[in-house]
Amino acid sequence: LEGRAFHTSSELGNGGALIAGGLATLPIINV
């Protein structure tokens, strides 16, 4: 939903991943 960089990505116990934080842009308005 949000573009982001310098964030973290961590494996979850169910085999998925958690994407968290980072330099980002707000959706739609691109701020």
PDB file of all heavy atoms in Angstrom:
ATOM      1  N   LEU A   1       0.833  -1.205   0.000  1.00  0.00           N
ATOM      2  CA  LEU A   1       0.000   0.000   0.000  1.00  0.00           C
ATOM      3  C   LEU A   1       0.864   1.250   0.000  1.00  0.00           C
ATOM      4  O   LEU A   1       0.538   2.247  -0.637  1.00  0.00           O
ATOM      5  CB  LEU A   1      -0.927   0.001   1.226  1.00  0.00           C
ATOM      6  CG  LEU A   1      -1.890   1.180   1.331  1.00  0.00           C
ATOM      7  CD1 LEU A   1      -2.843   1.197   0.141  1.00  0.00           C
ATOM      8  CD2 LEU A   1      -2.672   1.120   2.645  1.00  0.00           C
ATOM      9  N   GLU A   2       2.000   1.194   0.716  1.00  0.00           N
ATOM     10  CA  GLU A   2       2.924   2.328   0.779  1.00  0.00           C
ATOM     11  C   GLU A   2       4.259   1.920   0.153  1.00  0.00           C
ATOM     12  O   GLU A   2       4.793   0.854   0.464  1.00  0.00           O
ATOM     13  CB  GLU A   2       3.199   2.727   2.234  1.00  0.00           C
ATOM     14  CG  GLU A   2       1.986   2.995   3.090  1.00  0.00           C
ATOM     15  CD  GLU A   2       2.359   3.105   4.560  1.00  0.00           C
ATOM     16  OE1 GLU A   2       3.406   3.719   4.864  1.00  0.00           O
ATOM     17  OE2 GLU A   2       1.633   2.564   5.398  1.00  0.00           O
ATOM     18  N   GLY A   3       4.798   2.770  -0.715  1.00  0.00           N
ATOM     19  CA  GLY A   3       6.171   2.576  -1.138  1.00  0.00           C
ATOM     20  C   GLY A   3       7.092   2.853   0.030  1.00  0.00           C
ATOM     21  O   GLY A   3       6.811   3.727   0.853  1.00  0.00           O
ATOM     22  N   ARG A   4       8.202   2.113   0.120  1.00  0.00           N
ATOM     23  CA  ARG A   4       9.103   2.321   1.256  1.00  0.00           C
ATOM     24  C   ARG A   4      10.506   1.821   0.938  1.00  0.00           C
ATOM     25  O   ARG A   4      10.701   0.955   0.077  1.00  0.00           O
ATOM     26  CB  ARG A   4       8.562   1.649   2.518  1.00  0.00           C
ATOM     27  CG  ARG A   4       8.444   0.152   2.436  1.00  0.00           C
ATOM     28  CD  ARG A   4       7.805  -0.401   3.706  1.00  0.00           C
ATOM     29  NE  ARG A   4       6.398  -0.077   3.797  1.00  0.00           N
ATOM     30  CZ  ARG A   4       5.738   0.087   4.946  1.00  0.00           C
ATOM     31  NH1 ARG A   4       6.372  -0.012   6.092  1.00  0.00           N
ATOM     32  NH2 ARG A   4       4.456   0.364   4.959  1.00  0.00           N
ATOM     33  N   ALA A   5      11.491   2.399   1.647  1.00  0.00           N
ATOM     34  CA  ALA A   5      12.887   2.002   1.511  1.00  0.00           C
ATOM     35  C   ALA A   5      13.548   2.101   2.879  1.00  0.00           C
ATOM     36  O   ALA A   5      13.076   2.811   3.767  1.00  0.00           O
ATOM     37  CB  ALA A   5      13.614   2.904   0.513  1.00  0.00           C
ATOM     38  N   PHE A   6      14.674   1.396   3.038  1.00  0.00           N
ATOM     39  CA  PHE A   6      15.394   1.330   4.313  1.00  0.00           C
ATOM     40  C   PHE A   6      14.465   0.873   5.438  1.00  0.00           C
ATOM     41  O   PHE A   6      14.510   1.370   6.558  1.00  0.00           O
ATOM     42  CB  PHE A   6      16.049   2.672   4.652  1.00  0.00           C
ATOM     43  CG  PHE A   6      17.022   3.134   3.591  1.00  0.00           C
ATOM     44  CD1 PHE A   6      16.756   4.267   2.823  1.00  0.00           C
ATOM     45  CD2 PHE A   6      18.176   2.424   3.334  1.00  0.00           C
ATOM     46  CE1 PHE A   6      17.635   4.687   1.836  1.00  0.00           C
ATOM     47  CE2 PHE A   6      19.060   2.836   2.342  1.00  0.00           C
ATOM     48  CZ  PHE A   6      18.791   3.967   1.592  1.00  0.00           C
ATOM     49  N   HIS A   7      13.608  -0.094   5.098  1.00  0.00           N
ATOM     50  CA  HIS A   7      12.694  -0.704   6.039  1.00  0.00           C
ATOM     51  C   HIS A   7      13.249  -2.067   6.457  1.00  0.00           C
ATOM     52  O   HIS A   7      14.353  -2.449   6.061  1.00  0.00           O
ATOM     53  CB  HIS A   7      11.313  -0.865   5.396  1.00  0.00           C
ATOM     54  CG  HIS A   7      11.342  -1.601   4.086  1.00  0.00           C
ATOM     55  ND1 HIS A   7      11.891  -1.058   2.941  1.00  0.00           N
ATOM     56  CD2 HIS A   7      10.919  -2.842   3.728  1.00  0.00           C
ATOM     57  CE1 HIS A   7      11.796  -1.928   1.937  1.00  0.00           C
ATOM     58  NE2 HIS A   7      11.211  -3.019   2.396  1.00  0.00           N
ATOM     59  N   THR A   8      12.494  -2.796   7.257  1.00  0.00           N
ATOM     60  CA  THR A   8      12.892  -4.154   7.621  1.00  0.00           C
ATOM     61  C   THR A   8      11.858  -5.142   7.101  1.00  0.00           C
ATOM     62  O   THR A   8      10.686  -4.811   6.909  1.00  0.00           O
ATOM     63  CB  THR A   8      13.025  -4.325   9.143  1.00  0.00           C
ATOM     64  OG1 THR A   8      11.809  -3.936   9.785  1.00  0.00           O
ATOM     65  CG2 THR A   8      14.176  -3.492   9.675  1.00  0.00           C
ATOM     66  N   SER A   9      12.326  -6.348   6.859  1.00  0.00           N
ATOM     67  CA  SER A   9      11.461  -7.446   6.433  1.00  0.00           C
ATOM     68  C   SER A   9      11.881  -8.674   7.224  1.00  0.00           C
ATOM     69  O   SER A   9      13.039  -9.081   7.159  1.00  0.00           O
ATOM     70  CB  SER A   9      11.602  -7.680   4.925  1.00  0.00           C
ATOM     71  OG  SER A   9      10.759  -8.731   4.492  1.00  0.00           O
ATOM     72  N   SER A  10      10.952  -9.252   7.973  1.00  0.00           N
ATOM     73  CA  SER A  10      11.278 -10.332   8.905  1.00  0.00           C
ATOM     74  C   SER A  10      10.368 -11.522   8.661  1.00  0.00           C
ATOM     75  O   SER A  10       9.156 -11.361   8.472  1.00  0.00           O
ATOM     76  CB  SER A  10      11.106  -9.862  10.357  1.00  0.00           C
ATOM     77  OG  SER A  10      11.809  -8.653  10.593  1.00  0.00           O
ATOM     78  N   GLU A  11      10.948 -12.718   8.672  1.00  0.00           N
ATOM     79  CA  GLU A  11      10.156 -13.924   8.466  1.00  0.00           C
ATOM     80  C   GLU A  11       9.240 -14.164   9.659  1.00  0.00           C
ATOM     81  O   GLU A  11       9.639 -14.029  10.817  1.00  0.00           O
ATOM     82  CB  GLU A  11      11.068 -15.134   8.267  1.00  0.00           C
ATOM     83  CG  GLU A  11      10.306 -16.417   7.951  1.00  0.00           C
ATOM     84  CD  GLU A  11      11.206 -17.611   7.714  1.00  0.00           C
ATOM     85  OE1 GLU A  11      12.434 -17.406   7.623  1.00  0.00           O
ATOM     86  OE2 GLU A  11      10.685 -18.746   7.628  1.00  0.00           O
ATOM     87  N   LEU A  12       7.990 -14.526   9.370  1.00  0.00           N
ATOM     88  CA  LEU A  12       7.022 -14.856  10.408  1.00  0.00           C
ATOM     89  C   LEU A  12       6.910 -16.371  10.561  1.00  0.00           C
ATOM     90  O   LEU A  12       7.255 -17.133   9.650  1.00  0.00           O
ATOM     91  CB  LEU A  12       5.654 -14.261  10.064  1.00  0.00           C
ATOM     92  CG  LEU A  12       5.577 -12.732  10.062  1.00  0.00           C
ATOM     93  CD1 LEU A  12       4.217 -12.255   9.556  1.00  0.00           C
ATOM     94  CD2 LEU A  12       5.837 -12.184  11.470  1.00  0.00           C
ATOM     95  N   GLY A  13       6.390 -16.787  11.697  1.00  0.00           N
ATOM     96  CA  GLY A  13       6.294 -18.207  11.982  1.00  0.00           C
ATOM     97  C   GLY A  13       5.388 -18.970  11.037  1.00  0.00           C
ATOM     98  O   GLY A  13       5.521 -20.188  10.885  1.00  0.00           O
ATOM     99  N   ASN A  14       4.450 -18.286  10.386  1.00  0.00           N
ATOM    100  CA  ASN A  14       3.539 -18.952   9.456  1.00  0.00           C
ATOM    101  C   ASN A  14       4.114 -19.040   8.041  1.00  0.00           C
ATOM    102  O   ASN A  14       3.408 -19.432   7.105  1.00  0.00           O
ATOM    103  CB  ASN A  14       2.185 -18.241   9.426  1.00  0.00           C
ATOM    104  CG  ASN A  14       2.289 -16.793   8.943  1.00  0.00           C
ATOM    105  OD1 ASN A  14       3.370 -16.322   8.587  1.00  0.00           O
ATOM    106  ND2 ASN A  14       1.171 -16.083   8.939  1.00  0.00           N
ATOM    107  N   GLY A  15       5.390 -18.659   7.886  1.00  0.00           N
ATOM    108  CA  GLY A  15       6.023 -18.718   6.576  1.00  0.00           C
ATOM    109  C   GLY A  15       5.950 -17.434   5.798  1.00  0.00           C
ATOM    110  O   GLY A  15       6.512 -17.342   4.703  1.00  0.00           O
ATOM    111  N   GLY A  16       5.253 -16.435   6.337  1.00  0.00           N
ATOM    112  CA  GLY A  16       5.145 -15.138   5.672  1.00  0.00           C
ATOM    113  C   GLY A  16       6.242 -14.193   6.110  1.00  0.00           C
ATOM    114  O   GLY A  16       7.302 -14.616   6.602  1.00  0.00           O
ATOM    115  N   ALA A  17       5.996 -12.894   5.945  1.00  0.00           N
ATOM    116  CA  ALA A  17       6.990 -11.885   6.306  1.00  0.00           C
ATOM    117  C   ALA A  17       6.299 -10.644   6.827  1.00  0.00           C
ATOM    118  O   ALA A  17       5.155 -10.338   6.447  1.00  0.00           O
ATOM    119  CB  ALA A  17       7.868 -11.534   5.108  1.00  0.00           C
ATOM    120  N   LEU A  18       7.000  -9.919   7.704  1.00  0.00           N
ATOM    121  CA  LEU A  18       6.498  -8.653   8.236  1.00  0.00           C
ATOM    122  C   LEU A  18       7.347  -7.524   7.680  1.00  0.00           C
ATOM    123  O   LEU A  18       8.553  -7.468   7.907  1.00  0.00           O
ATOM    124  CB  LEU A  18       6.555  -8.643   9.759  1.00  0.00           C
ATOM    125  CG  LEU A  18       5.997  -7.384  10.425  1.00  0.00           C
ATOM    126  CD1 LEU A  18       4.472  -7.365  10.324  1.00  0.00           C
ATOM    127  CD2 LEU A  18       6.438  -7.290  11.890  1.00  0.00           C
ATOM    128  N   ILE A  19       6.705  -6.618   6.930  1.00  0.00           N
ATOM    129  CA  ILE A  19       7.367  -5.430   6.382  1.00  0.00           C
ATOM    130  C   ILE A  19       7.088  -4.277   7.330  1.00  0.00           C
ATOM    131  O   ILE A  19       5.919  -3.988   7.633  1.00  0.00           O
ATOM    132  CB  ILE A  19       6.824  -5.086   4.978  1.00  0.00           C
ATOM    133  CG1 ILE A  19       6.884  -6.296   4.059  1.00  0.00           C
ATOM    134  CG2 ILE A  19       7.567  -3.904   4.396  1.00  0.00           C
ATOM    135  CD1 ILE A  19       8.262  -6.774   3.742  1.00  0.00           C
ATOM    136  N   ALA A  20       8.132  -3.581   7.816  1.00  0.00           N
ATOM    137  CA  ALA A  20       7.914  -2.569   8.846  1.00  0.00           C
ATOM    138  C   ALA A  20       8.771  -1.335   8.619  1.00  0.00           C
ATOM    139  O   ALA A  20       9.958  -1.434   8.283  1.00  0.00           O
ATOM    140  CB  ALA A  20       8.202  -3.146  10.230  1.00  0.00           C
ATOM    141  N   GLY A  21       8.142  -0.145   8.823  1.00  0.00           N
ATOM    142  CA  GLY A  21       8.856   1.121   8.829  1.00  0.00           C
ATOM    143  C   GLY A  21       9.456   1.499   7.497  1.00  0.00           C
ATOM    144  O   GLY A  21       9.062   1.013   6.438  1.00  0.00           O
ATOM    145  N   GLY A  22      10.421   2.430   7.550  1.00  0.00           N
ATOM    146  CA  GLY A  22      11.136   2.874   6.369  1.00  0.00           C
ATOM    147  C   GLY A  22      10.771   4.276   5.932  1.00  0.00           C
ATOM    148  O   GLY A  22       9.778   4.854   6.380  1.00  0.00           O
ATOM    149  N   LEU A  23      11.596   4.854   5.049  1.00  0.00           N
ATOM    150  CA  LEU A  23      11.213   6.075   4.351  1.00  0.00           C
ATOM    151  C   LEU A  23      10.087   5.712   3.406  1.00  0.00           C
ATOM    152  O   LEU A  23      10.200   4.741   2.639  1.00  0.00           O
ATOM    153  CB  LEU A  23      12.399   6.641   3.573  1.00  0.00           C
ATOM    154  CG  LEU A  23      13.561   7.215   4.384  1.00  0.00           C
ATOM    155  CD1 LEU A  23      14.689   7.628   3.453  1.00  0.00           C
ATOM    156  CD2 LEU A  23      13.109   8.399   5.230  1.00  0.00           C
ATOM    157  N   ALA A  24       9.008   6.459   3.434  1.00  0.00           N
ATOM    158  CA  ALA A  24       7.808   6.042   2.713  1.00  0.00           C
ATOM    159  C   ALA A  24       7.087   7.232   2.099  1.00  0.00           C
ATOM    160  O   ALA A  24       7.459   8.396   2.313  1.00  0.00           O
ATOM    161  CB  ALA A  24       6.869   5.286   3.660  1.00  0.00           C
ATOM    162  N   THR A  25       6.074   6.927   1.320  1.00  0.00           N
ATOM    163  CA  THR A  25       5.167   7.952   0.792  1.00  0.00           C
ATOM    164  C   THR A  25       3.746   7.577   1.173  1.00  0.00           C
ATOM    165  O   THR A  25       3.366   6.403   1.124  1.00  0.00           O
ATOM    166  CB  THR A  25       5.269   8.060  -0.738  1.00  0.00           C
ATOM    167  OG1 THR A  25       5.063   6.767  -1.320  1.00  0.00           O
ATOM    168  CG2 THR A  25       6.627   8.583  -1.161  1.00  0.00           C
ATOM    169  N   LEU A  26       2.980   8.583   1.572  1.00  0.00           N
ATOM    170  CA  LEU A  26       1.586   8.341   1.913  1.00  0.00           C
ATOM    171  C   LEU A  26       0.812   7.959   0.661  1.00  0.00           C
ATOM    172  O   LEU A  26       1.016   8.542  -0.409  1.00  0.00           O
ATOM    173  CB  LEU A  26       0.969   9.591   2.549  1.00  0.00           C
ATOM    174  CG  LEU A  26       1.546   9.996   3.912  1.00  0.00           C
ATOM    175  CD1 LEU A  26       0.957  11.307   4.363  1.00  0.00           C
ATOM    176  CD2 LEU A  26       1.287   8.906   4.945  1.00  0.00           C
ATOM    177  N   PRO A  27      -0.048   6.958   0.766  1.00  0.00           N
ATOM    178  CA  PRO A  27      -0.811   6.522  -0.403  1.00  0.00           C
ATOM    179  C   PRO A  27      -1.649   7.659  -0.997  1.00  0.00           C
ATOM    180  O   PRO A  27      -2.073   8.571  -0.297  1.00  0.00           O
ATOM    181  CB  PRO A  27      -1.707   5.411   0.161  1.00  0.00           C
ATOM    182  CG  PRO A  27      -1.044   4.977   1.425  1.00  0.00           C
ATOM    183  CD  PRO A  27      -0.364   6.184   1.971  1.00  0.00           C
ATOM    184  N   ILE A  28      -1.840   7.610  -2.290  1.00  0.00           N
ATOM    185  CA  ILE A  28      -2.674   8.524  -3.084  1.00  0.00           C
ATOM    186  C   ILE A  28      -2.035   9.900  -3.229  1.00  0.00           C
ATOM    187  O   ILE A  28      -1.766  10.367  -4.335  1.00  0.00           O
ATOM    188  CB  ILE A  28      -4.103   8.659  -2.505  1.00  0.00           C
ATOM    189  CG1 ILE A  28      -4.756   7.276  -2.416  1.00  0.00           C
ATOM    190  CG2 ILE A  28      -4.948   9.610  -3.371  1.00  0.00           C
ATOM    191  CD1 ILE A  28      -6.123   7.279  -1.773  1.00  0.00           C
ATOM    192  N   ILE A  29      -1.711  10.578  -2.087  1.00  0.00           N
ATOM    193  CA  ILE A  29      -1.193  11.939  -2.184  1.00  0.00           C
ATOM    194  C   ILE A  29       0.322  11.966  -2.401  1.00  0.00           C
ATOM    195  O   ILE A  29       0.881  13.021  -2.713  1.00  0.00           O
ATOM    196  CB  ILE A  29      -1.559  12.760  -0.928  1.00  0.00           C
ATOM    197  CG1 ILE A  29      -1.009  12.078   0.339  1.00  0.00           C
ATOM    198  CG2 ILE A  29      -3.061  12.924  -0.828  1.00  0.00           C
ATOM    199  CD1 ILE A  29      -1.266  12.893   1.611  1.00  0.00           C
ATOM    200  N   ASN A  30       1.003  10.833  -2.213  1.00  0.00           N
ATOM    201  CA  ASN A  30       2.429  10.691  -2.508  1.00  0.00           C
ATOM    202  C   ASN A  30       3.301  11.695  -1.748  1.00  0.00           C
ATOM    203  O   ASN A  30       4.270  12.234  -2.274  1.00  0.00           O
ATOM    204  CB  ASN A  30       2.677  10.830  -4.020  1.00  0.00           C
ATOM    205  CG  ASN A  30       3.985  10.187  -4.446  1.00  0.00           C
ATOM    206  OD1 ASN A  30       4.346   9.129  -3.935  1.00  0.00           O
ATOM    207  ND2 ASN A  30       4.683  10.806  -5.379  1.00  0.00           N
ATOM    208  N   VAL A  31       2.961  11.952  -0.495  1.00  0.00           N
ATOM    209  CA  VAL A  31       3.724  12.870   0.345  1.00  0.00           C
ATOM    210  C   VAL A  31       4.746  12.069   1.147  1.00  0.00           C
ATOM    211  O   VAL A  31       4.395  11.048   1.753  1.00  0.00           O
ATOM    212  CB  VAL A  31       2.796  13.652   1.297  1.00  0.00           C
ATOM    213  CG1 VAL A  31       3.611  14.483   2.287  1.00  0.00           C
ATOM    214  CG2 VAL A  31       1.858  14.542   0.502  1.00  0.00           C
TER     215      VAL A  31
END
